[in-house]
Amino acid sequence: MGTVTAVKSCSASSCAYNSDGCTAFAVTIGGLAGKASCGTFVSLDARGGLPVADGHVGACQRLECVHNADLMCTAESVDIAGDAACLAYQAR
């Protein structure tokens, strides 16, 4: 794997890392079986992360996802929904 997967969009407006997109350096996709979600999501009264929206998927814990190879995301990009769901998730 030569590249990391970009967070194309994030509509989780209550996340401290969302400032017109994902400003976390890297997110972890976790969640429960059958429902992948951004494990980096945090609801705070402050904003943090990078000065620009340039987030990437650092790790993926959803082994059953077709885009998971050695705990890394192989999707071209991911979109994170308002409830922190990973919209690229597809079960095998």
N, C-alpha and C. Protein backbone atom coordinates (compact mmCIF):
# COMPACT_ATOMS: atom_id res chain seq x y z
N MET A 1 0.85 -1.17 0.00
CA MET A 1 0.00 0.00 0.00
C MET A 1 0.89 1.23 0.00
N GLY A 2 0.76 2.07 -1.02
CA GLY A 2 1.64 3.21 -1.14
C GLY A 2 1.03 4.52 -0.70
N THR A 3 -0.28 4.60 -0.55
CA THR A 3 -0.92 5.85 -0.16
C THR A 3 -1.90 5.60 0.98
N VAL A 4 -2.30 6.67 1.63
CA VAL A 4 -3.32 6.58 2.66
C VAL A 4 -4.62 7.13 2.11
N THR A 5 -5.72 6.67 2.66
CA THR A 5 -7.04 7.06 2.19
C THR A 5 -7.44 8.41 2.76
N ALA A 6 -7.85 9.31 1.89
CA ALA A 6 -8.27 10.65 2.31
C ALA A 6 -9.69 10.62 2.85
N VAL A 7 -9.95 11.48 3.83
CA VAL A 7 -11.32 11.74 4.28
C VAL A 7 -11.85 12.81 3.34
N LYS A 8 -12.67 12.38 2.38
CA LYS A 8 -13.15 13.29 1.33
C LYS A 8 -14.10 14.35 1.90
N SER A 9 -14.99 13.92 2.79
CA SER A 9 -15.92 14.87 3.40
C SER A 9 -16.34 14.37 4.76
N CYS A 10 -16.73 15.29 5.61
CA CYS A 10 -17.24 14.95 6.94
C CYS A 10 -18.38 15.90 7.27
N SER A 11 -19.55 15.34 7.54
CA SER A 11 -20.69 16.17 7.92
C SER A 11 -21.03 16.03 9.40
N ALA A 12 -20.10 15.48 10.18
CA ALA A 12 -20.28 15.38 11.64
C ALA A 12 -19.97 16.74 12.25
N SER A 13 -20.92 17.67 12.16
CA SER A 13 -20.67 19.06 12.53
C SER A 13 -20.35 19.25 14.01
N SER A 14 -20.73 18.32 14.87
CA SER A 14 -20.44 18.48 16.29
C SER A 14 -19.07 17.92 16.66
N CYS A 15 -18.30 17.42 15.69
CA CYS A 15 -16.97 16.89 15.97
C CYS A 15 -15.96 18.03 16.06
N ALA A 16 -15.11 17.99 17.07
CA ALA A 16 -14.10 19.03 17.27
C ALA A 16 -13.07 19.06 16.15
N TYR A 17 -12.97 18.00 15.37
CA TYR A 17 -12.03 17.95 14.25
C TYR A 17 -12.66 18.36 12.92
N ASN A 18 -13.91 18.77 12.92
CA ASN A 18 -14.56 19.16 11.68
C ASN A 18 -14.62 20.68 11.60
N SER A 19 -13.85 21.22 10.68
CA SER A 19 -13.87 22.64 10.38
C SER A 19 -13.89 22.78 8.87
N ASP A 20 -15.09 22.72 8.30
CA ASP A 20 -15.27 22.67 6.85
C ASP A 20 -14.56 21.45 6.26
N GLY A 21 -14.57 20.35 6.98
CA GLY A 21 -13.92 19.10 6.59
C GLY A 21 -13.11 18.56 7.74
N CYS A 22 -12.52 17.41 7.55
CA CYS A 22 -11.79 16.74 8.63
C CYS A 22 -10.39 17.33 8.79
N THR A 23 -10.12 17.88 9.99
CA THR A 23 -8.82 18.46 10.27
C THR A 23 -7.94 17.56 11.14
N ALA A 24 -8.44 16.35 11.46
CA ALA A 24 -7.60 15.41 12.20
C ALA A 24 -6.48 14.94 11.27
N PHE A 25 -5.28 14.77 11.80
CA PHE A 25 -4.18 14.28 10.97
C PHE A 25 -4.52 12.91 10.41
N ALA A 26 -5.08 12.04 11.26
CA ALA A 26 -5.52 10.71 10.85
C ALA A 26 -6.66 10.27 11.74
N VAL A 27 -7.65 9.59 11.16
CA VAL A 27 -8.77 9.06 11.93
C VAL A 27 -8.68 7.55 11.99
N THR A 28 -9.31 6.99 12.99
CA THR A 28 -9.44 5.54 13.11
C THR A 28 -10.90 5.19 12.84
N ILE A 29 -11.12 4.24 11.96
CA ILE A 29 -12.47 3.76 11.71
C ILE A 29 -12.68 2.54 12.60
N GLY A 30 -13.66 2.64 13.45
CA GLY A 30 -13.98 1.56 14.39
C GLY A 30 -15.45 1.25 14.32
N GLY A 31 -16.10 1.20 15.46
CA GLY A 31 -17.52 0.93 15.51
C GLY A 31 -17.82 -0.52 15.79
N LEU A 32 -19.06 -0.88 15.63
CA LEU A 32 -19.53 -2.23 15.86
C LEU A 32 -19.63 -2.98 14.54
N ALA A 33 -19.62 -4.30 14.60
CA ALA A 33 -19.77 -5.10 13.38
C ALA A 33 -21.04 -4.66 12.65
N GLY A 34 -20.91 -4.44 11.36
CA GLY A 34 -22.04 -4.02 10.56
C GLY A 34 -22.28 -2.52 10.55
N LYS A 35 -21.57 -1.77 11.39
CA LYS A 35 -21.73 -0.32 11.42
C LYS A 35 -20.39 0.32 11.73
N ALA A 36 -19.69 0.73 10.71
CA ALA A 36 -18.38 1.36 10.88
C ALA A 36 -18.57 2.84 11.19
N SER A 37 -17.76 3.35 12.09
CA SER A 37 -17.85 4.77 12.43
C SER A 37 -16.47 5.34 12.75
N CYS A 38 -16.39 6.64 12.71
CA CYS A 38 -15.14 7.33 12.98
C CYS A 38 -14.87 7.30 14.48
N GLY A 39 -13.85 6.58 14.88
CA GLY A 39 -13.49 6.48 16.29
C GLY A 39 -12.75 7.70 16.80
N THR A 40 -12.39 8.61 15.92
CA THR A 40 -11.69 9.82 16.30
C THR A 40 -12.69 10.93 16.66
N PHE A 41 -13.95 10.72 16.34
CA PHE A 41 -15.01 11.69 16.63
C PHE A 41 -15.00 12.07 18.10
N VAL A 42 -14.99 13.37 18.37
CA VAL A 42 -15.08 13.86 19.75
C VAL A 42 -15.90 15.16 19.74
N SER A 43 -16.87 15.21 20.62
CA SER A 43 -17.73 16.38 20.71
C SER A 43 -17.24 17.27 21.86
N LEU A 44 -16.63 18.39 21.50
CA LEU A 44 -16.11 19.35 22.48
C LEU A 44 -16.51 20.76 22.07
N ASP A 45 -16.38 21.70 22.99
CA ASP A 45 -16.66 23.10 22.68
C ASP A 45 -15.50 23.79 22.00
N ALA A 46 -14.45 23.06 21.69
CA ALA A 46 -13.26 23.62 21.03
C ALA A 46 -13.06 22.92 19.70
N ARG A 47 -12.32 23.54 18.82
CA ARG A 47 -11.93 22.94 17.55
C ARG A 47 -10.44 22.62 17.63
N GLY A 48 -10.03 21.55 16.96
CA GLY A 48 -8.63 21.16 17.00
C GLY A 48 -8.19 20.56 15.69
N GLY A 49 -6.97 20.10 15.67
CA GLY A 49 -6.43 19.44 14.49
C GLY A 49 -5.57 20.36 13.64
N LEU A 50 -5.44 19.96 12.38
CA LEU A 50 -4.63 20.71 11.41
C LEU A 50 -5.30 22.04 11.08
N PRO A 51 -4.55 23.02 10.57
CA PRO A 51 -5.16 24.29 10.19
C PRO A 51 -6.01 24.20 8.92
N VAL A 52 -5.91 23.09 8.19
CA VAL A 52 -6.72 22.88 6.98
C VAL A 52 -7.35 21.49 7.04
N ALA A 53 -8.42 21.32 6.29
CA ALA A 53 -9.10 20.03 6.22
C ALA A 53 -8.32 19.11 5.29
N ASP A 54 -7.49 18.24 5.88
CA ASP A 54 -6.65 17.33 5.11
C ASP A 54 -6.52 15.99 5.84
N GLY A 55 -7.64 15.51 6.42
CA GLY A 55 -7.62 14.28 7.19
C GLY A 55 -7.49 13.03 6.34
N HIS A 56 -6.96 11.99 6.95
CA HIS A 56 -6.78 10.69 6.30
C HIS A 56 -7.19 9.58 7.25
N VAL A 57 -7.39 8.39 6.72
CA VAL A 57 -7.68 7.23 7.55
C VAL A 57 -6.36 6.61 7.95
N GLY A 58 -6.06 6.65 9.24
CA GLY A 58 -4.81 6.09 9.74
C GLY A 58 -4.92 4.60 10.00
N ALA A 59 -6.10 4.15 10.43
CA ALA A 59 -6.30 2.74 10.74
C ALA A 59 -7.77 2.39 10.57
N CYS A 60 -8.01 1.14 10.22
CA CYS A 60 -9.38 0.64 10.11
C CYS A 60 -9.50 -0.65 10.92
N GLN A 61 -10.41 -0.65 11.86
CA GLN A 61 -10.61 -1.81 12.72
C GLN A 61 -11.75 -2.71 12.25
N ARG A 62 -12.36 -2.39 11.12
CA ARG A 62 -13.48 -3.19 10.60
C ARG A 62 -12.95 -4.27 9.67
N LEU A 63 -12.55 -5.38 10.24
CA LEU A 63 -11.95 -6.49 9.48
C LEU A 63 -12.87 -7.00 8.38
N GLU A 64 -14.17 -6.91 8.59
CA GLU A 64 -15.13 -7.46 7.62
C GLU A 64 -15.39 -6.51 6.44
N CYS A 65 -14.77 -5.33 6.43
CA CYS A 65 -14.98 -4.38 5.34
C CYS A 65 -14.15 -4.78 4.12
N VAL A 66 -14.73 -4.67 2.94
CA VAL A 66 -14.03 -5.03 1.71
C VAL A 66 -12.82 -4.12 1.45
N HIS A 67 -12.81 -2.97 2.08
CA HIS A 67 -11.70 -2.01 1.88
C HIS A 67 -10.59 -2.18 2.90
N ASN A 68 -10.68 -3.18 3.77
CA ASN A 68 -9.67 -3.37 4.81
C ASN A 68 -8.62 -4.36 4.36
N ALA A 69 -7.37 -3.92 4.36
CA ALA A 69 -6.23 -4.79 4.06
C ALA A 69 -5.18 -4.55 5.13
N ASP A 70 -4.97 -5.52 5.97
CA ASP A 70 -3.98 -5.41 7.04
C ASP A 70 -4.26 -4.21 7.96
N LEU A 71 -5.53 -3.99 8.26
CA LEU A 71 -6.01 -2.92 9.14
C LEU A 71 -5.83 -1.52 8.56
N MET A 72 -5.61 -1.46 7.26
CA MET A 72 -5.51 -0.18 6.54
C MET A 72 -6.66 -0.08 5.55
N CYS A 73 -7.14 1.13 5.32
CA CYS A 73 -8.24 1.36 4.39
C CYS A 73 -7.69 1.47 2.97
N THR A 74 -8.29 0.71 2.05
CA THR A 74 -7.86 0.75 0.65
C THR A 74 -8.86 1.47 -0.25
N ALA A 75 -9.92 2.04 0.33
CA ALA A 75 -10.89 2.80 -0.47
C ALA A 75 -10.19 4.02 -1.06
N GLU A 76 -10.68 4.49 -2.19
CA GLU A 76 -10.10 5.68 -2.81
C GLU A 76 -10.21 6.89 -1.87
N SER A 77 -11.36 7.01 -1.20
CA SER A 77 -11.59 8.05 -0.21
C SER A 77 -12.78 7.61 0.64
N VAL A 78 -12.98 8.28 1.76
CA VAL A 78 -14.14 8.00 2.60
C VAL A 78 -14.89 9.28 2.87
N ASP A 79 -16.18 9.13 3.09
CA ASP A 79 -17.04 10.21 3.53
C ASP A 79 -17.55 9.82 4.91
N ILE A 80 -17.55 10.77 5.83
CA ILE A 80 -18.05 10.54 7.17
C ILE A 80 -19.37 11.29 7.31
N ALA A 81 -20.42 10.57 7.73
CA ALA A 81 -21.75 11.17 7.85
C ALA A 81 -21.90 11.89 9.18
N GLY A 82 -22.98 12.63 9.32
CA GLY A 82 -23.26 13.43 10.51
C GLY A 82 -23.28 12.65 11.80
N ASP A 83 -23.58 11.36 11.75
CA ASP A 83 -23.57 10.53 12.96
C ASP A 83 -22.24 9.81 13.12
N ALA A 84 -21.21 10.26 12.41
CA ALA A 84 -19.84 9.74 12.41
C ALA A 84 -19.71 8.39 11.70
N ALA A 85 -20.71 8.01 10.91
CA ALA A 85 -20.65 6.75 10.16
C ALA A 85 -19.71 6.87 8.97
N CYS A 86 -18.93 5.81 8.72
CA CYS A 86 -18.07 5.75 7.54
C CYS A 86 -18.92 5.24 6.38
N LEU A 87 -19.15 6.10 5.39
CA LEU A 87 -20.03 5.75 4.28
C LEU A 87 -19.36 4.85 3.25
N ALA A 88 -18.05 4.67 3.32
CA ALA A 88 -17.35 3.77 2.40
C ALA A 88 -17.45 2.32 2.86
N TYR A 89 -17.87 2.09 4.09
CA TYR A 89 -17.92 0.74 4.66
C TYR A 89 -18.81 -0.18 3.84
N GLN A 90 -18.27 -1.35 3.52
CA GLN A 90 -19.03 -2.40 2.83
C GLN A 90 -18.60 -3.74 3.42
N ALA A 91 -19.55 -4.45 3.99
CA ALA A 91 -19.23 -5.77 4.57
C ALA A 91 -18.94 -6.76 3.46
N ARG A 92 -18.03 -7.69 3.74
CA ARG A 92 -17.71 -8.76 2.78
C ARG A 92 -18.88 -9.67 2.61
